[in-house]
Structures are given as structure tokens and as C-alpha cells.
């Protein structure tokens, strides 16, 4: 017992390495966010509600943040819905594929084993907090639970959280193995095979989940400018 307290007392947290590793993990998300290409925040990865993008703001007539012109016309709803579904699936796929392997490569070459462990738990805690915040918002702010059970969404989030951490660990083991066989060149040459054969099923699974949830939540929940359509037809 005394050894435990001694370890706690002298524990040193690698703040900068963990922050840098986390930023690298989120780099694909940050790039997509600022370029507004294939972006859905991790905490909206499966449920495209709220202020995650102008597309969603207009679709659900929740445009107090972006102010991009109000809801879509009724004739535009279906195409907007298809873009929302496609964007959600693509975003989930990119998040599951790129983020863990990029962080794994950085961790392998830069972090010590102890720092890798610290980053793993940092990633786990930060993502858990973001997902819990999302659940709170989905229930209390955006009323998504009127369409889908909060417990169901929470279960999906937990599975997503576990898989995200597992993919980081899988990527770390794969990078270490490839590095021993042929260095960084072997990693670069094998990364496509990694996406297809090592984690392909996980990417397909969560892409399907993202599709089904987005399809369900956008089914009949849009608020179109039906009145504007009628006026256009009269003119």
C-alpha cells in the first residue's frame, strides 16, 4: 500500500507529449472542420444534430448560430438529407481510419512506453467527456431523445468509444511490427493494406451505423420552407 502512495506522490504527467499526441489524433478532424469538408465533430459523429454544420442548421431550422438563410425549401430537403447521411458516413470512416493510425505512428516514434500509456488514458478521458456532453445536449438541448432512445444512443457512443481506443492500440501494435520489419518505409507501403485488411470490418461497421442513425434521425424531421415553395409555384 505504501508503494502505491509513493508512486502516486512521485507521478509525473507528460503534459506536452500528451497534448501534441491528442492534437495529432484530432488533426484529420480539425482539417475537415476548418475547410468544412466532410466534417462532423466526434461528439456528433453518429447524430448530426445541433450546430455541427450549416447543412444541419438549415435542415433542422436551427440556424441561430450560422445564419445562412433559414431552412431549405421543401424541394431541397431530399438532396440535403442525402448530403447529411453521406457526410456522416464519410466523417465516421475518416475518423476511425486516419486518427488512430496517425496518433499511433507519432506515439511509436516519439513517445516513451509510459507516455504512450498516459496518452491512451488522456484520449479515453477526453473522448468520454465529449461524448457525455453530447448525450446531455442531445437530450436537454436538441430533444433528439424524442426521436431515438437516449439509452440506445448512449450504447452506440460507448461502443464507438471502445472501438476508437481499440483501434489506437491496434495501430500501435501494427506500427511497431512494421517498423521492426522494414522501418517507416514498410509502414508507408502497408498502410492501405492496414485500412483494408486490419480494420476494414470496423470501418464498415461504423459506417453502416452512421448511415442508419443519420437516415432515421433525418426521416421526416426536417422543417422546410413549404410556404416559400407555394409562393414560387404561384409566381
Protein backbone atom coordinates (compact mmCIF):
# COMPACT_ATOMS: atom_id res chain seq x y z
CA UNK A 1 0.00 0.00 0.00
CA UNK A 2 2.82 2.36 0.86
CA UNK A 3 4.37 1.65 -2.55
CA UNK A 4 1.13 2.75 -4.25
CA UNK A 5 1.07 6.08 -2.41
CA UNK A 6 4.75 6.58 -3.14
CA UNK A 7 4.14 6.03 -6.86
CA UNK A 8 1.22 8.47 -6.77
CA UNK A 9 3.33 11.04 -4.92
CA UNK A 10 6.18 10.97 -7.46
CA UNK A 11 3.94 10.53 -10.54
CA UNK A 12 4.81 12.87 -13.42
CA UNK A 13 2.34 13.51 -16.21
CA UNK A 14 3.80 14.20 -19.66
CA UNK A 15 1.60 17.21 -20.41
CA UNK A 16 3.15 18.45 -23.65
CA UNK A 17 3.67 15.00 -25.26
CA UNK A 18 0.08 14.01 -24.47
CA UNK A 19 -1.31 17.31 -25.79
CA UNK A 20 0.71 17.01 -29.01
CA UNK A 21 -0.37 13.38 -29.45
CA UNK A 22 -4.00 14.37 -28.92
CA UNK A 23 -3.75 17.21 -31.45
CA UNK A 24 -2.28 14.76 -33.97
CA UNK A 25 -5.14 12.36 -33.23
CA UNK A 26 -7.65 15.13 -33.92
CA UNK A 27 -5.72 16.64 -36.86
CA UNK A 28 -7.87 14.99 -39.57
CA UNK A 29 -10.97 16.27 -37.75
CA UNK A 30 -9.55 19.79 -37.35
CA UNK A 31 -8.57 19.98 -41.04
CA UNK A 32 -12.03 18.88 -42.12
CA UNK A 33 -13.62 21.30 -39.69
CA UNK A 34 -11.75 24.40 -40.82
CA UNK A 35 -12.02 23.52 -44.50
CA UNK A 36 -15.65 22.48 -43.96
CA UNK A 37 -15.06 19.30 -45.96
CA UNK A 38 -16.56 16.01 -44.72
CA UNK A 39 -16.77 17.30 -41.16
CA UNK A 40 -18.88 16.08 -38.28
CA UNK A 41 -17.48 16.60 -34.76
CA UNK A 42 -16.65 13.40 -32.89
CA UNK A 43 -19.42 14.09 -30.42
CA UNK A 44 -21.89 14.33 -33.33
CA UNK A 45 -20.27 11.53 -35.30
CA UNK A 46 -23.44 9.44 -35.37
CA UNK A 47 -26.12 12.01 -34.65
CA UNK A 48 -25.91 15.09 -36.88
CA UNK A 49 -27.89 17.46 -34.66
CA UNK A 50 -27.16 20.96 -33.41
CA UNK A 51 -24.58 23.41 -34.69
CA UNK A 52 -22.14 20.93 -36.23
CA UNK A 53 -22.53 22.39 -39.71
CA UNK A 54 -24.58 24.90 -41.71
CA UNK A 55 -26.14 21.95 -43.55
CA UNK A 56 -27.66 20.58 -40.37
CA UNK A 57 -28.61 24.01 -39.08
CA UNK A 58 -30.68 24.67 -42.18
CA UNK A 59 -32.14 21.16 -42.32
CA UNK A 60 -33.48 21.30 -38.76
CA UNK A 61 -34.22 25.05 -38.91
CA UNK A 62 -31.82 25.61 -36.01
CA UNK A 63 -29.86 28.41 -37.63
CA UNK A 64 -29.29 30.89 -34.80
CA UNK A 65 -25.50 30.31 -34.99
CA UNK A 66 -24.57 30.21 -38.67
CA UNK A 67 -27.35 32.47 -40.00
CA UNK A 68 -27.11 31.13 -43.55
CA UNK A 69 -30.57 31.92 -44.74
CA UNK A 70 -33.08 29.82 -42.88
CA UNK A 71 -34.45 26.35 -43.64
CA UNK A 72 -34.37 24.63 -47.02
CA UNK A 73 -37.30 24.76 -49.35
CA UNK A 74 -39.37 21.58 -49.48
CA UNK A 75 -37.94 20.72 -52.92
CA UNK A 76 -34.38 20.79 -51.49
CA UNK A 77 -34.97 18.59 -48.45
CA UNK A 78 -34.24 15.21 -50.03
CA UNK A 79 -30.91 16.23 -51.54
CA UNK A 80 -29.91 17.91 -48.27
CA UNK A 81 -30.81 14.73 -46.39
CA UNK A 82 -28.63 12.63 -48.72
CA UNK A 83 -25.72 15.01 -48.16
CA UNK A 84 -26.18 14.77 -44.38
CA UNK A 85 -26.18 10.97 -44.48
CA UNK A 86 -23.19 10.80 -46.82
CA UNK A 87 -21.26 13.33 -44.74
CA UNK A 88 -21.91 11.42 -41.53
CA UNK A 89 -20.76 8.10 -43.02
CA UNK A 90 -17.64 9.66 -44.58
CA UNK A 91 -16.76 11.53 -41.40
CA UNK A 92 -17.07 8.44 -39.23
CA UNK A 93 -14.98 6.42 -41.69
CA UNK A 94 -12.22 9.03 -41.81
CA UNK A 95 -12.21 9.42 -38.03
CA UNK A 96 -11.95 5.68 -37.44
CA UNK A 97 -9.29 5.17 -40.13
CA UNK A 98 -6.96 8.16 -40.01
CA UNK A 99 -6.95 9.46 -36.44
CA UNK A 100 -5.85 6.27 -34.61
CA UNK A 101 -3.09 5.34 -37.08
CA UNK A 102 -1.65 8.88 -37.19
CA UNK A 103 -1.53 9.02 -33.39
CA UNK A 104 -0.06 5.50 -33.29
CA UNK A 105 2.78 6.42 -35.65
CA UNK A 106 3.59 9.54 -33.61
CA UNK A 107 3.40 7.60 -30.35
CA UNK A 108 5.68 4.84 -31.60
CA UNK A 109 8.44 7.14 -32.81
CA UNK A 110 8.23 9.97 -30.28
CA UNK A 111 6.65 8.84 -27.01
CA UNK A 112 8.11 6.51 -24.42
CA UNK A 113 6.09 3.47 -23.31
CA UNK A 114 4.99 5.33 -20.18
CA UNK A 115 3.95 8.36 -22.23
CA UNK A 116 2.02 6.11 -24.60
CA UNK A 117 0.08 4.76 -21.65
CA UNK A 118 -0.59 8.28 -20.37
CA UNK A 119 -1.80 9.38 -23.79
CA UNK A 120 -4.10 6.36 -24.05
CA UNK A 121 -5.84 7.34 -20.80
CA UNK A 122 -5.86 11.01 -21.79
CA UNK A 123 -7.58 10.09 -25.04
CA UNK A 124 -10.04 7.86 -23.18
CA UNK A 125 -10.99 10.55 -20.65
CA UNK A 126 -11.27 13.44 -23.15
CA UNK A 127 -13.40 11.49 -25.60
CA UNK A 128 -15.60 10.16 -22.78
CA UNK A 129 -16.22 13.72 -21.55
CA UNK A 130 -17.08 14.91 -25.08
CA UNK A 131 -19.49 12.03 -25.61
CA UNK A 132 -21.17 12.62 -22.23
CA UNK A 133 -21.53 16.30 -23.12
CA UNK A 134 -23.08 15.24 -26.41
CA UNK A 135 -25.61 12.99 -24.67
CA UNK A 136 -26.57 15.85 -22.37
CA UNK A 137 -27.05 18.20 -25.33
CA UNK A 138 -28.96 15.63 -27.36
CA UNK A 139 -31.43 15.12 -24.51
CA UNK A 140 -31.73 18.61 -22.97
CA UNK A 141 -30.86 20.99 -25.81
CA UNK A 142 -31.89 19.37 -29.10
CA UNK A 143 -34.54 16.87 -27.91
CA UNK A 144 -33.12 14.06 -30.04
CA UNK A 145 -34.43 11.59 -27.48
CA UNK A 146 -37.93 12.38 -28.70
CA UNK A 147 -36.91 10.57 -31.92
CA UNK A 148 -34.45 7.99 -30.56
CA UNK A 149 -33.93 6.47 -27.10
CA UNK A 150 -31.20 8.14 -25.06
CA UNK A 151 -30.06 4.72 -23.83
CA UNK A 152 -29.74 3.48 -27.40
CA UNK A 153 -27.61 6.46 -28.42
CA UNK A 154 -25.55 6.06 -25.22
CA UNK A 155 -24.92 2.40 -26.08
CA UNK A 156 -23.74 3.35 -29.58
CA UNK A 157 -21.45 6.01 -28.09
CA UNK A 158 -19.93 3.51 -25.66
CA UNK A 159 -19.26 1.03 -28.46
CA UNK A 160 -17.75 3.84 -30.54
CA UNK A 161 -15.53 4.92 -27.62
CA UNK A 162 -14.28 1.37 -27.04
CA UNK A 163 -13.57 0.81 -30.73
CA UNK A 164 -11.74 4.14 -31.07
CA UNK A 165 -9.38 3.23 -28.22
CA UNK A 166 -9.01 -0.32 -29.53
CA UNK A 167 -8.06 0.98 -32.97
CA UNK A 168 -5.36 3.17 -31.44
CA UNK A 169 -3.92 0.14 -29.61
CA UNK A 170 -4.22 -1.98 -32.76
CA UNK A 171 -2.47 0.71 -34.77
CA UNK A 172 0.30 0.97 -32.17
CA UNK A 173 0.98 -2.79 -32.35
CA UNK A 174 0.84 -2.77 -36.16
CA UNK A 175 3.24 0.18 -36.46
CA UNK A 176 5.71 -1.47 -34.06
CA UNK A 177 5.58 -4.72 -36.04
CA UNK A 178 6.07 -2.98 -39.40
CA UNK A 179 8.87 -0.82 -38.02
CA UNK A 180 10.77 -3.93 -36.94
CA UNK A 181 10.33 -5.50 -40.37
CA UNK A 182 11.35 -2.55 -42.53
CA UNK A 183 11.19 0.78 -40.76
CA UNK A 184 8.99 3.68 -41.78
CA UNK A 185 9.09 2.62 -45.43
CA UNK A 186 7.31 -0.63 -44.50
CA UNK A 187 4.67 1.35 -42.61
CA UNK A 188 4.05 3.67 -45.58
CA UNK A 189 3.87 0.77 -48.04
CA UNK A 190 1.48 -1.26 -45.87
CA UNK A 191 -0.92 1.44 -44.68
CA UNK A 192 -3.52 0.77 -47.39
CA UNK A 193 -3.50 -2.93 -46.52
CA UNK A 194 -3.91 -1.93 -42.89
CA UNK A 195 -7.06 0.04 -43.66
CA UNK A 196 -8.50 -2.77 -45.78
CA UNK A 197 -7.46 -5.98 -44.04
CA UNK A 198 -6.71 -4.98 -40.44
CA UNK A 199 -9.51 -2.53 -39.61
CA UNK A 200 -11.72 -2.72 -42.70
CA UNK A 201 -14.57 -4.50 -40.91
CA UNK A 202 -14.61 -1.93 -38.08
CA UNK A 203 -14.77 0.94 -40.57
CA UNK A 204 -17.60 -0.73 -42.50
CA UNK A 205 -19.48 -1.48 -39.28
CA UNK A 206 -19.41 2.10 -38.01
CA UNK A 207 -20.09 3.49 -41.46
CA UNK A 208 -23.26 1.37 -41.50
CA UNK A 209 -24.20 2.54 -38.02
CA UNK A 210 -23.64 6.15 -39.05
CA UNK A 211 -25.82 5.63 -42.11
CA UNK A 212 -28.69 4.02 -40.20
CA UNK A 213 -28.77 6.58 -37.41
CA UNK A 214 -28.50 9.55 -39.76
CA UNK A 215 -31.18 8.06 -42.00
CA UNK A 216 -33.50 7.54 -39.03
CA UNK A 217 -32.98 10.97 -37.50
CA UNK A 218 -33.44 12.82 -40.77
CA UNK A 219 -36.55 10.86 -41.74
CA UNK A 220 -39.43 13.33 -41.59
CA UNK A 221 -37.71 15.65 -39.11
CA UNK A 222 -36.77 18.50 -41.47
CA UNK A 223 -38.52 21.85 -41.26
CA UNK A 224 -38.80 23.06 -44.86
CA UNK A 225 -39.93 26.42 -46.18
CA UNK A 226 -43.12 24.97 -47.61
CA UNK A 227 -44.75 28.39 -47.75
CA UNK A 228 -41.92 29.73 -49.91
CA UNK A 229 -42.31 26.85 -52.33
CA UNK A 230 -46.00 27.61 -52.69
CA UNK A 231 -45.30 31.27 -53.45
CA UNK A 232 -42.71 30.31 -56.07
CA UNK A 233 -45.18 28.00 -57.79
CA UNK A 234 -47.85 30.72 -57.84
CA UNK A 235 -45.42 33.14 -59.47
